[in-house]
Amino acid sequence: EATLQEQPIDEKATTQETASEPTTMDELMNATKGGGYTEYRPG
C-alpha cells in the first residue's frame, strides 16, 4: 500500500514540443499505487 508516487526518469518519454526530451513530471515518472490489505494506520 506504500505510495511510491513516481517511477525513475524515463529518458525515452516524448512530447509535442520536443521529440526526445520529457518536459513535465508526469512524462518523467509514472505513478504506481499498489493495492493490498487494509492497514488502519493513524494519519
PDB file of all heavy atoms in Angstrom:
ATOM      1  N   GLU A   1       0.811  -1.209   0.000  1.00  0.00           N
ATOM      2  CA  GLU A   1       0.000   0.000   0.000  1.00  0.00           C
ATOM      3  C   GLU A   1       0.846   1.261   0.000  1.00  0.00           C
ATOM      4  O   GLU A   1       0.330   2.360   0.001  1.00  0.00           O
ATOM      5  CB  GLU A   1      -0.934   0.010   1.205  1.00  0.00           C
ATOM      6  CG  GLU A   1      -2.014  -1.047   1.118  1.00  0.00           C
ATOM      7  CD  GLU A   1      -2.988  -0.918   2.249  1.00  0.00           C
ATOM      8  OE1 GLU A   1      -2.587  -1.117   3.394  1.00  0.00           O
ATOM      9  OE2 GLU A   1      -4.154  -0.614   1.980  1.00  0.00           O
ATOM     10  N   ALA A   2       2.151   1.115   0.005  1.00  0.00           N
ATOM     11  CA  ALA A   2       3.009   2.289   0.008  1.00  0.00           C
ATOM     12  C   ALA A   2       2.859   3.052  -1.295  1.00  0.00           C
ATOM     13  O   ALA A   2       2.856   2.478  -2.371  1.00  0.00           O
ATOM     14  CB  ALA A   2       4.470   1.864   0.186  1.00  0.00           C
ATOM     15  N   THR A   3       2.755   4.367  -1.187  1.00  0.00           N
ATOM     16  CA  THR A   3       2.631   5.204  -2.365  1.00  0.00           C
ATOM     17  C   THR A   3       4.015   5.633  -2.823  1.00  0.00           C
ATOM     18  O   THR A   3       4.616   6.508  -2.233  1.00  0.00           O
ATOM     19  CB  THR A   3       1.787   6.450  -2.062  1.00  0.00           C
ATOM     20  OG1 THR A   3       0.516   6.020  -1.590  1.00  0.00           O
ATOM     21  CG2 THR A   3       1.595   7.306  -3.298  1.00  0.00           C
ATOM     22  N   LEU A   4       4.505   5.008  -3.886  1.00  0.00           N
ATOM     23  CA  LEU A   4       5.817   5.393  -4.398  1.00  0.00           C
ATOM     24  C   LEU A   4       5.714   6.583  -5.330  1.00  0.00           C
ATOM     25  O   LEU A   4       6.708   7.186  -5.692  1.00  0.00           O
ATOM     26  CB  LEU A   4       6.450   4.207  -5.146  1.00  0.00           C
ATOM     27  CG  LEU A   4       6.685   2.974  -4.270  1.00  0.00           C
ATOM     28  CD1 LEU A   4       7.372   1.890  -5.066  1.00  0.00           C
ATOM     29  CD2 LEU A   4       7.499   3.336  -3.057  1.00  0.00           C
ATOM     30  N   GLN A   5       4.506   6.914  -5.746  1.00  0.00           N
ATOM     31  CA  GLN A   5       4.178   8.120  -6.491  1.00  0.00           C
ATOM     32  C   GLN A   5       4.706   8.146  -7.910  1.00  0.00           C
ATOM     33  O   GLN A   5       3.949   8.257  -8.848  1.00  0.00           O
ATOM     34  CB  GLN A   5       4.663   9.366  -5.759  1.00  0.00           C
ATOM     35  CG  GLN A   5       3.974   9.555  -4.424  1.00  0.00           C
ATOM     36  CD  GLN A   5       4.329  10.874  -3.800  1.00  0.00           C
ATOM     37  OE1 GLN A   5       5.038  11.674  -4.369  1.00  0.00           O
ATOM     38  NE2 GLN A   5       3.836  11.121  -2.616  1.00  0.00           N
ATOM     39  N   GLU A   6       6.002   8.098  -8.102  1.00  0.00           N
ATOM     40  CA  GLU A   6       6.526   8.184  -9.451  1.00  0.00           C
ATOM     41  C   GLU A   6       7.658   7.185  -9.655  1.00  0.00           C
ATOM     42  O   GLU A   6       8.361   6.829  -8.736  1.00  0.00           O
ATOM     43  CB  GLU A   6       7.066   9.589  -9.755  1.00  0.00           C
ATOM     44  CG  GLU A   6       5.991  10.649  -9.841  1.00  0.00           C
ATOM     45  CD  GLU A   6       5.779  11.346  -8.500  1.00  0.00           C
ATOM     46  OE1 GLU A   6       6.437  10.939  -7.521  1.00  0.00           O
ATOM     47  OE2 GLU A   6       4.953  12.251  -8.445  1.00  0.00           O
ATOM     48  N   GLN A   7       7.808   6.768 -10.927  1.00  0.00           N
ATOM     49  CA  GLN A   7       8.889   5.870 -11.300  1.00  0.00           C
ATOM     50  C   GLN A   7      10.134   6.678 -11.627  1.00  0.00           C
ATOM     51  O   GLN A   7      10.075   7.896 -11.759  1.00  0.00           O
ATOM     52  CB  GLN A   7       8.467   5.055 -12.533  1.00  0.00           C
ATOM     53  CG  GLN A   7       7.243   4.188 -12.297  1.00  0.00           C
ATOM     54  CD  GLN A   7       7.557   2.965 -11.462  1.00  0.00           C
ATOM     55  OE1 GLN A   7       8.711   2.733 -11.150  1.00  0.00           O
ATOM     56  NE2 GLN A   7       6.552   2.211 -11.092  1.00  0.00           N
ATOM     57  N   PRO A   8      11.296   6.027 -11.788  1.00  0.00           N
ATOM     58  CA  PRO A   8      12.503   6.752 -12.201  1.00  0.00           C
ATOM     59  C   PRO A   8      12.302   7.427 -13.548  1.00  0.00           C
ATOM     60  O   PRO A   8      11.406   7.089 -14.310  1.00  0.00           O
ATOM     61  CB  PRO A   8      13.567   5.646 -12.292  1.00  0.00           C
ATOM     62  CG  PRO A   8      13.051   4.543 -11.440  1.00  0.00           C
ATOM     63  CD  PRO A   8      11.563   4.603 -11.555  1.00  0.00           C
ATOM     64  N   ILE A   9      13.163   8.368 -13.840  1.00  0.00           N
ATOM     65  CA  ILE A   9      13.053   9.153 -15.054  1.00  0.00           C
ATOM     66  C   ILE A   9      13.059   8.275 -16.296  1.00  0.00           C
ATOM     67  O   ILE A   9      13.881   7.388 -16.441  1.00  0.00           O
ATOM     68  CB  ILE A   9      14.231  10.156 -15.130  1.00  0.00           C
ATOM     69  CG1 ILE A   9      14.185  11.087 -13.906  1.00  0.00           C
ATOM     70  CG2 ILE A   9      14.238  10.928 -16.414  1.00  0.00           C
ATOM     71  CD1 ILE A   9      15.439  11.865 -13.709  1.00  0.00           C
ATOM     72  N   ASP A  10      12.114   8.526 -17.183  1.00  0.00           N
ATOM     73  CA  ASP A  10      12.048   7.813 -18.449  1.00  0.00           C
ATOM     74  C   ASP A  10      12.652   8.693 -19.524  1.00  0.00           C
ATOM     75  O   ASP A  10      12.021   9.615 -20.031  1.00  0.00           O
ATOM     76  CB  ASP A  10      10.573   7.505 -18.787  1.00  0.00           C
ATOM     77  CG  ASP A  10      10.426   6.777 -20.115  1.00  0.00           C
ATOM     78  OD1 ASP A  10      11.469   6.436 -20.706  1.00  0.00           O
ATOM     79  OD2 ASP A  10       9.290   6.570 -20.550  1.00  0.00           O
ATOM     80  N   GLU A  11      13.895   8.448 -19.865  1.00  0.00           N
ATOM     81  CA  GLU A  11      14.596   9.298 -20.831  1.00  0.00           C
ATOM     82  C   GLU A  11      14.039   9.174 -22.239  1.00  0.00           C
ATOM     83  O   GLU A  11      14.383   9.934 -23.134  1.00  0.00           O
ATOM     84  CB  GLU A  11      16.093   8.954 -20.835  1.00  0.00           C
ATOM     85  CG  GLU A  11      16.793   9.250 -19.520  1.00  0.00           C
ATOM     86  CD  GLU A  11      16.873  10.740 -19.217  1.00  0.00           C
ATOM     87  OE1 GLU A  11      16.558  11.543 -20.105  1.00  0.00           O
ATOM     88  OE2 GLU A  11      17.248  11.076 -18.087  1.00  0.00           O
ATOM     89  N   LYS A  12      13.168   8.175 -22.498  1.00  0.00           N
ATOM     90  CA  LYS A  12      12.614   7.989 -23.830  1.00  0.00           C
ATOM     91  C   LYS A  12      11.267   8.676 -23.988  1.00  0.00           C
ATOM     92  O   LYS A  12      10.642   8.602 -25.038  1.00  0.00           O
ATOM     93  CB  LYS A  12      12.469   6.500 -24.131  1.00  0.00           C
ATOM     94  CG  LYS A  12      13.802   5.763 -24.159  1.00  0.00           C
ATOM     95  CD  LYS A  12      13.613   4.291 -24.476  1.00  0.00           C
ATOM     96  CE  LYS A  12      14.944   3.549 -24.492  1.00  0.00           C
ATOM     97  NZ  LYS A  12      14.777   2.107 -24.779  1.00  0.00           N
ATOM     98  N   ALA A  13      10.788   9.322 -22.911  1.00  0.00           N
ATOM     99  CA  ALA A  13       9.489   9.987 -22.997  1.00  0.00           C
ATOM    100  C   ALA A  13       9.549  11.105 -24.033  1.00  0.00           C
ATOM    101  O   ALA A  13      10.566  11.753 -24.221  1.00  0.00           O
ATOM    102  CB  ALA A  13       9.124  10.569 -21.630  1.00  0.00           C
ATOM    103  N   THR A  14       8.423  11.366 -24.730  1.00  0.00           N
ATOM    104  CA  THR A  14       8.371  12.404 -25.753  1.00  0.00           C
ATOM    105  C   THR A  14       7.173  13.293 -25.544  1.00  0.00           C
ATOM    106  O   THR A  14       6.215  12.931 -24.897  1.00  0.00           O
ATOM    107  CB  THR A  14       8.276  11.795 -27.167  1.00  0.00           C
ATOM    108  OG1 THR A  14       7.084  10.997 -27.235  1.00  0.00           O
ATOM    109  CG2 THR A  14       9.471  10.917 -27.464  1.00  0.00           C
ATOM    110  N   THR A  15       7.227  14.507 -26.125  1.00  0.00           N
ATOM    111  CA  THR A  15       6.114  15.445 -26.081  1.00  0.00           C
ATOM    112  C   THR A  15       5.972  16.088 -27.439  1.00  0.00           C
ATOM    113  O   THR A  15       6.788  15.900 -28.344  1.00  0.00           O
ATOM    114  CB  THR A  15       6.380  16.558 -25.050  1.00  0.00           C
ATOM    115  OG1 THR A  15       7.467  17.354 -25.539  1.00  0.00           O
ATOM    116  CG2 THR A  15       6.752  16.007 -23.700  1.00  0.00           C
ATOM    117  N   GLN A  16       4.925  16.902 -27.609  1.00  0.00           N
ATOM    118  CA  GLN A  16       4.723  17.593 -28.877  1.00  0.00           C
ATOM    119  C   GLN A  16       5.808  18.631 -29.117  1.00  0.00           C
ATOM    120  O   GLN A  16       6.196  18.895 -30.250  1.00  0.00           O
ATOM    121  CB  GLN A  16       3.348  18.261 -28.877  1.00  0.00           C
ATOM    122  CG  GLN A  16       2.203  17.266 -28.893  1.00  0.00           C
ATOM    123  CD  GLN A  16       0.868  17.969 -28.916  1.00  0.00           C
ATOM    124  OE1 GLN A  16       0.774  19.163 -28.705  1.00  0.00           O
ATOM    125  NE2 GLN A  16      -0.162  17.215 -29.191  1.00  0.00           N
ATOM    126  N   GLU A  17       6.317  19.260 -28.026  1.00  0.00           N
ATOM    127  CA  GLU A  17       7.298  20.317 -28.201  1.00  0.00           C
ATOM    128  C   GLU A  17       8.671  19.763 -28.580  1.00  0.00           C
ATOM    129  O   GLU A  17       9.395  20.344 -29.360  1.00  0.00           O
ATOM    130  CB  GLU A  17       7.443  21.128 -26.904  1.00  0.00           C
ATOM    131  CG  GLU A  17       6.259  22.025 -26.610  1.00  0.00           C
ATOM    132  CD  GLU A  17       5.101  21.280 -25.969  1.00  0.00           C
ATOM    133  OE1 GLU A  17       5.271  20.083 -25.649  1.00  0.00           O
ATOM    134  OE2 GLU A  17       4.043  21.878 -25.812  1.00  0.00           O
ATOM    135  N   THR A  18       9.070  18.620 -27.962  1.00  0.00           N
ATOM    136  CA  THR A  18      10.380  18.058 -28.264  1.00  0.00           C
ATOM    137  C   THR A  18      10.222  16.592 -28.588  1.00  0.00           C
ATOM    138  O   THR A  18       9.420  15.885 -27.994  1.00  0.00           O
ATOM    139  CB  THR A  18      11.326  18.212 -27.052  1.00  0.00           C
ATOM    140  OG1 THR A  18      10.738  17.561 -25.938  1.00  0.00           O
ATOM    141  CG2 THR A  18      11.561  19.669 -26.721  1.00  0.00           C
ATOM    142  N   ALA A  19      11.028  16.125 -29.488  1.00  0.00           N
ATOM    143  CA  ALA A  19      10.877  14.760 -29.970  1.00  0.00           C
ATOM    144  C   ALA A  19      11.488  13.736 -29.028  1.00  0.00           C
ATOM    145  O   ALA A  19      11.149  12.580 -29.082  1.00  0.00           O
ATOM    146  CB  ALA A  19      11.534  14.632 -31.347  1.00  0.00           C
ATOM    147  N   SER A  20      12.436  14.185 -28.176  1.00  0.00           N
ATOM    148  CA  SER A  20      13.131  13.181 -27.377  1.00  0.00           C
ATOM    149  C   SER A  20      13.232  13.494 -25.898  1.00  0.00           C
ATOM    150  O   SER A  20      13.648  12.655 -25.130  1.00  0.00           O
ATOM    151  CB  SER A  20      14.558  13.002 -27.916  1.00  0.00           C
ATOM    152  OG  SER A  20      15.256  14.231 -27.851  1.00  0.00           O
ATOM    153  N   GLU A  21      12.872  14.705 -25.464  1.00  0.00           N
ATOM    154  CA  GLU A  21      13.073  15.069 -24.069  1.00  0.00           C
ATOM    155  C   GLU A  21      11.763  15.245 -23.326  1.00  0.00           C
ATOM    156  O   GLU A  21      10.838  15.877 -23.830  1.00  0.00           O
ATOM    157  CB  GLU A  21      13.864  16.395 -23.986  1.00  0.00           C
ATOM    158  CG  GLU A  21      15.294  16.275 -24.489  1.00  0.00           C
ATOM    159  CD  GLU A  21      16.124  15.368 -23.613  1.00  0.00           C
ATOM    160  OE1 GLU A  21      15.782  15.195 -22.446  1.00  0.00           O
ATOM    161  OE2 GLU A  21      17.118  14.828 -24.112  1.00  0.00           O
ATOM    162  N   PRO A  22      11.646  14.718 -22.104  1.00  0.00           N
ATOM    163  CA  PRO A  22      10.443  14.936 -21.303  1.00  0.00           C
ATOM    164  C   PRO A  22      10.378  16.374 -20.815  1.00  0.00           C
ATOM    165  O   PRO A  22      11.411  16.984 -20.554  1.00  0.00           O
ATOM    166  CB  PRO A  22      10.636  13.979 -20.125  1.00  0.00           C
ATOM    167  CG  PRO A  22      12.107  13.803 -20.017  1.00  0.00           C
ATOM    168  CD  PRO A  22      12.636  13.893 -21.416  1.00  0.00           C
ATOM    169  N   THR A  23       9.181  16.933 -20.681  1.00  0.00           N
ATOM    170  CA  THR A  23       9.048  18.310 -20.224  1.00  0.00           C
ATOM    171  C   THR A  23       8.132  18.462 -19.034  1.00  0.00           C
ATOM    172  O   THR A  23       7.971  19.550 -18.527  1.00  0.00           O
ATOM    173  CB  THR A  23       8.512  19.215 -21.357  1.00  0.00           C
ATOM    174  OG1 THR A  23       7.232  18.714 -21.761  1.00  0.00           O
ATOM    175  CG2 THR A  23       9.456  19.245 -22.526  1.00  0.00           C
ATOM    176  N   THR A  24       7.493  17.419 -18.570  1.00  0.00           N
ATOM    177  CA  THR A  24       6.679  17.506 -17.366  1.00  0.00           C
ATOM    178  C   THR A  24       7.009  16.334 -16.457  1.00  0.00           C
ATOM    179  O   THR A  24       7.517  15.304 -16.895  1.00  0.00           O
ATOM    180  CB  THR A  24       5.166  17.470 -17.682  1.00  0.00           C
ATOM    181  OG1 THR A  24       4.819  16.166 -18.147  1.00  0.00           O
ATOM    182  CG2 THR A  24       4.799  18.508 -18.725  1.00  0.00           C
ATOM    183  N   MET A  25       6.681  16.494 -15.164  1.00  0.00           N
ATOM    184  CA  MET A  25       6.947  15.414 -14.223  1.00  0.00           C
ATOM    185  C   MET A  25       6.105  14.186 -14.549  1.00  0.00           C
ATOM    186  O   MET A  25       6.520  13.057 -14.307  1.00  0.00           O
ATOM    187  CB  MET A  25       6.663  15.880 -12.794  1.00  0.00           C
ATOM    188  CG  MET A  25       7.670  16.904 -12.288  1.00  0.00           C
ATOM    189  SD  MET A  25       9.383  16.376 -12.437  1.00  0.00           S
ATOM    190  CE  MET A  25       9.390  15.023 -11.274  1.00  0.00           C
ATOM    191  N   ASP A  26       4.900  14.383 -15.112  1.00  0.00           N
ATOM    192  CA  ASP A  26       4.082  13.245 -15.495  1.00  0.00           C
ATOM    193  C   ASP A  26       4.771  12.419 -16.569  1.00  0.00           C
ATOM    194  O   ASP A  26       4.640  11.199 -16.629  1.00  0.00           O
ATOM    195  CB  ASP A  26       2.714  13.714 -16.016  1.00  0.00           C
ATOM    196  CG  ASP A  26       1.816  14.168 -14.882  1.00  0.00           C
ATOM    197  OD1 ASP A  26       2.091  13.781 -13.728  1.00  0.00           O
ATOM    198  OD2 ASP A  26       0.868  14.904 -15.147  1.00  0.00           O
ATOM    199  N   GLU A  27       5.503  13.099 -17.454  1.00  0.00           N
ATOM    200  CA  GLU A  27       6.205  12.388 -18.516  1.00  0.00           C
ATOM    201  C   GLU A  27       7.523  11.809 -18.021  1.00  0.00           C
ATOM    202  O   GLU A  27       8.062  10.883 -18.606  1.00  0.00           O
ATOM    203  CB  GLU A  27       6.455  13.351 -19.684  1.00  0.00           C
ATOM    204  CG  GLU A  27       5.158  13.692 -20.407  1.00  0.00           C
ATOM    205  CD  GLU A  27       5.280  14.952 -21.224  1.00  0.00           C
ATOM    206  OE1 GLU A  27       6.304  15.650 -21.088  1.00  0.00           O
ATOM    207  OE2 GLU A  27       4.353  15.236 -21.982  1.00  0.00           O
ATOM    208  N   LEU A  28       8.044  12.406 -16.943  1.00  0.00           N
ATOM    209  CA  LEU A  28       9.288  11.890 -16.387  1.00  0.00           C
ATOM    210  C   LEU A  28       9.061  10.617 -15.585  1.00  0.00           C
ATOM    211  O   LEU A  28       9.887   9.725 -15.560  1.00  0.00           O
ATOM    212  CB  LEU A  28       9.911  12.937 -15.452  1.00  0.00           C
ATOM    213  CG  LEU A  28      10.563  14.139 -16.118  1.00  0.00           C
ATOM    214  CD1 LEU A  28      10.932  15.155 -15.054  1.00  0.00           C
ATOM    215  CD2 LEU A  28      11.792  13.727 -16.887  1.00  0.00           C
ATOM    216  N   MET A  29       7.901  10.569 -14.919  1.00  0.00           N
ATOM    217  CA  MET A  29       7.656   9.472 -13.988  1.00  0.00           C
ATOM    218  C   MET A  29       6.227   8.986 -14.079  1.00  0.00           C
ATOM    219  O   MET A  29       5.326   9.753 -14.337  1.00  0.00           O
ATOM    220  CB  MET A  29       7.922   9.944 -12.555  1.00  0.00           C
ATOM    221  CG  MET A  29       9.308  10.465 -12.352  1.00  0.00           C
ATOM    222  SD  MET A  29       9.363  11.550 -10.946  1.00  0.00           S
ATOM    223  CE  MET A  29      10.210  12.918 -11.692  1.00  0.00           C
ATOM    224  N   ASN A  30       6.022   7.705 -13.904  1.00  0.00           N
ATOM    225  CA  ASN A  30       4.682   7.121 -13.945  1.00  0.00           C
ATOM    226  C   ASN A  30       4.267   6.731 -12.542  1.00  0.00           C
ATOM    227  O   ASN A  30       4.997   6.055 -11.836  1.00  0.00           O
ATOM    228  CB  ASN A  30       4.671   5.863 -14.840  1.00  0.00           C
ATOM    229  CG  ASN A  30       5.089   6.176 -16.251  1.00  0.00           C
ATOM    230  OD1 ASN A  30       4.596   7.130 -16.828  1.00  0.00           O
ATOM    231  ND2 ASN A  30       6.006   5.396 -16.799  1.00  0.00           N
ATOM    232  N   ALA A  31       3.076   7.168 -12.148  1.00  0.00           N
ATOM    233  CA  ALA A  31       2.607   6.892 -10.789  1.00  0.00           C
ATOM    234  C   ALA A  31       2.300   5.411 -10.624  1.00  0.00           C
ATOM    235  O   ALA A  31       1.764   4.777 -11.519  1.00  0.00           O
ATOM    236  CB  ALA A  31       1.362   7.724 -10.489  1.00  0.00           C
ATOM    237  N   THR A  32       2.634   4.875  -9.448  1.00  0.00           N
ATOM    238  CA  THR A  32       2.270   3.497  -9.129  1.00  0.00           C
ATOM    239  C   THR A  32       1.688   3.469  -7.743  1.00  0.00           C
ATOM    240  O   THR A  32       2.289   3.964  -6.794  1.00  0.00           O
ATOM    241  CB  THR A  32       3.504   2.568  -9.163  1.00  0.00           C
ATOM    242  OG1 THR A  32       4.407   2.967  -8.153  1.00  0.00           O
ATOM    243  CG2 THR A  32       4.181   2.602 -10.507  1.00  0.00           C
ATOM    244  N   LYS A  33       0.540   2.904  -7.607  1.00  0.00           N
ATOM    245  CA  LYS A  33      -0.095   2.742  -6.300  1.00  0.00           C
ATOM    246  C   LYS A  33      -0.598   1.326  -6.197  1.00  0.00           C
ATOM    247  O   LYS A  33      -1.524   0.939  -6.889  1.00  0.00           O
ATOM    248  CB  LYS A  33      -1.241   3.735  -6.121  1.00  0.00           C
ATOM    249  CG  LYS A  33      -0.773   5.189  -6.077  1.00  0.00           C
ATOM    250  CD  LYS A  33      -1.904   6.126  -5.743  1.00  0.00           C
ATOM    251  CE  LYS A  33      -1.418   7.551  -5.669  1.00  0.00           C
ATOM    252  NZ  LYS A  33      -2.496   8.486  -5.303  1.00  0.00           N
ATOM    253  N   GLY A  34       0.061   0.572  -5.355  1.00  0.00           N
ATOM    254  CA  GLY A  34      -0.299  -0.827  -5.234  1.00  0.00           C
ATOM    255  C   GLY A  34      -1.548  -1.030  -4.417  1.00  0.00           C
ATOM    256  O   GLY A  34      -1.928  -0.208  -3.600  1.00  0.00           O
ATOM    257  N   GLY A  35      -2.188  -2.144  -4.614  1.00  0.00           N
ATOM    258  CA  GLY A  35      -3.330  -2.494  -3.789  1.00  0.00           C
ATOM    259  C   GLY A  35      -2.879  -3.419  -2.691  1.00  0.00           C
ATOM    260  O   GLY A  35      -1.715  -3.679  -2.511  1.00  0.00           O
ATOM    261  N   GLY A  36      -3.799  -3.962  -1.940  1.00  0.00           N
ATOM    262  CA  GLY A  36      -3.409  -4.874  -0.889  1.00  0.00           C
ATOM    263  C   GLY A  36      -4.352  -4.809   0.280  1.00  0.00           C
ATOM    264  O   GLY A  36      -5.439  -4.271   0.182  1.00  0.00           O
ATOM    265  N   TYR A  37      -3.931  -5.350   1.390  1.00  0.00           N
ATOM    266  CA  TYR A  37      -4.793  -5.379   2.553  1.00  0.00           C
ATOM    267  C   TYR A  37      -4.940  -3.974   3.128  1.00  0.00           C
ATOM    268  O   TYR A  37      -4.160  -3.082   2.846  1.00  0.00           O
ATOM    269  CB  TYR A  37      -4.219  -6.321   3.606  1.00  0.00           C
ATOM    270  CG  TYR A  37      -2.882  -5.911   4.134  1.00  0.00           C
ATOM    271  CD1 TYR A  37      -2.815  -5.070   5.237  1.00  0.00           C
ATOM    272  CD2 TYR A  37      -1.701  -6.356   3.544  1.00  0.00           C
ATOM    273  CE1 TYR A  37      -1.593  -4.680   5.743  1.00  0.00           C
ATOM    274  CE2 TYR A  37      -0.485  -5.965   4.045  1.00  0.00           C
ATOM    275  CZ  TYR A  37      -0.428  -5.134   5.145  1.00  0.00           C
ATOM    276  OH  TYR A  37       0.788  -4.750   5.633  1.00  0.00           O
ATOM    277  N   THR A  38      -5.948  -3.795   3.959  1.00  0.00           N
ATOM    278  CA  THR A  38      -6.171  -2.500   4.578  1.00  0.00           C
ATOM    279  C   THR A  38      -5.448  -2.436   5.912  1.00  0.00           C
ATOM    280  O   THR A  38      -5.619  -3.299   6.761  1.00  0.00           O
ATOM    281  CB  THR A  38      -7.672  -2.252   4.793  1.00  0.00           C
ATOM    282  OG1 THR A  38      -8.313  -2.247   3.524  1.00  0.00           O
ATOM    283  CG2 THR A  38      -7.903  -0.928   5.487  1.00  0.00           C
ATOM    284  N   GLU A  39      -4.626  -1.427   6.106  1.00  0.00           N
ATOM    285  CA  GLU A  39      -3.933  -1.231   7.372  1.00  0.00           C
ATOM    286  C   GLU A  39      -4.483   0.029   8.018  1.00  0.00           C
ATOM    287  O   GLU A  39      -4.495   1.097   7.410  1.00  0.00           O
ATOM    288  CB  GLU A  39      -2.431  -1.096   7.169  1.00  0.00           C
ATOM    289  CG  GLU A  39      -1.693  -0.908   8.475  1.00  0.00           C
ATOM    290  CD  GLU A  39      -0.183  -0.930   8.277  1.00  0.00           C
ATOM    291  OE1 GLU A  39       0.251  -1.176   7.154  1.00  0.00           O
ATOM    292  OE2 GLU A  39       0.525  -0.701   9.255  1.00  0.00           O
ATOM    293  N   TYR A  40      -4.958  -0.085   9.239  1.00  0.00           N
ATOM    294  CA  TYR A  40      -5.564   1.040   9.931  1.00  0.00           C
ATOM    295  C   TYR A  40      -4.474   1.845  10.638  1.00  0.00           C
ATOM    296  O   TYR A  40      -4.358   1.830  11.862  1.00  0.00           O
ATOM    297  CB  TYR A  40      -6.607   0.543  10.926  1.00  0.00           C
ATOM    298  CG  TYR A  40      -7.646  -0.360  10.299  1.00  0.00           C
ATOM    299  CD1 TYR A  40      -7.849  -1.653  10.760  1.00  0.00           C
ATOM    300  CD2 TYR A  40      -8.415   0.082   9.216  1.00  0.00           C
ATOM    301  CE1 TYR A  40      -8.799  -2.482  10.182  1.00  0.00           C
ATOM    302  CE2 TYR A  40      -9.356  -0.740   8.629  1.00  0.00           C
ATOM    303  CZ  TYR A  40      -9.543  -2.018   9.109  1.00  0.00           C
ATOM    304  OH  TYR A  40     -10.479  -2.837   8.531  1.00  0.00           O
ATOM    305  N   ARG A  41      -3.689   2.540   9.862  1.00  0.00           N
ATOM    306  CA  ARG A  41      -2.571   3.302  10.410  1.00  0.00           C
ATOM    307  C   ARG A  41      -2.996   4.735  10.687  1.00  0.00           C
ATOM    308  O   ARG A  41      -3.492   5.427   9.803  1.00  0.00           O
ATOM    309  CB  ARG A  41      -1.397   3.288   9.432  1.00  0.00           C
ATOM    310  CG  ARG A  41      -0.204   4.105   9.899  1.00  0.00           C
ATOM    311  CD  ARG A  41       0.948   3.962   8.928  1.00  0.00           C
ATOM    312  NE  ARG A  41       0.565   4.256   7.562  1.00  0.00           N
ATOM    313  CZ  ARG A  41       0.379   5.482   7.093  1.00  0.00           C
ATOM    314  NH1 ARG A  41       0.520   6.524   7.890  1.00  0.00           N
ATOM    315  NH2 ARG A  41       0.044   5.680   5.838  1.00  0.00           N
ATOM    316  N   PRO A  42      -2.819   5.232  11.919  1.00  0.00           N
ATOM    317  CA  PRO A  42      -3.158   6.618  12.224  1.00  0.00           C
ATOM    318  C   PRO A  42      -2.466   7.591  11.277  1.00  0.00           C
ATOM    319  O   PRO A  42      -1.292   7.441  10.970  1.00  0.00           O
ATOM    320  CB  PRO A  42      -2.650   6.781  13.671  1.00  0.00           C
ATOM    321  CG  PRO A  42      -2.738   5.411  14.242  1.00  0.00           C
ATOM    322  CD  PRO A  42      -2.358   4.488  13.109  1.00  0.00           C
ATOM    323  N   GLY A  43      -3.216   8.581  10.807  1.00  0.00           N
ATOM    324  CA  GLY A  43      -2.693   9.553   9.864  1.00  0.00           C
ATOM    325  C   GLY A  43      -2.982   9.218   8.423  1.00  0.00           C
ATOM    326  O   GLY A  43      -2.827  10.049   7.538  1.00  0.00           O
TER     327      GLY A  43
END
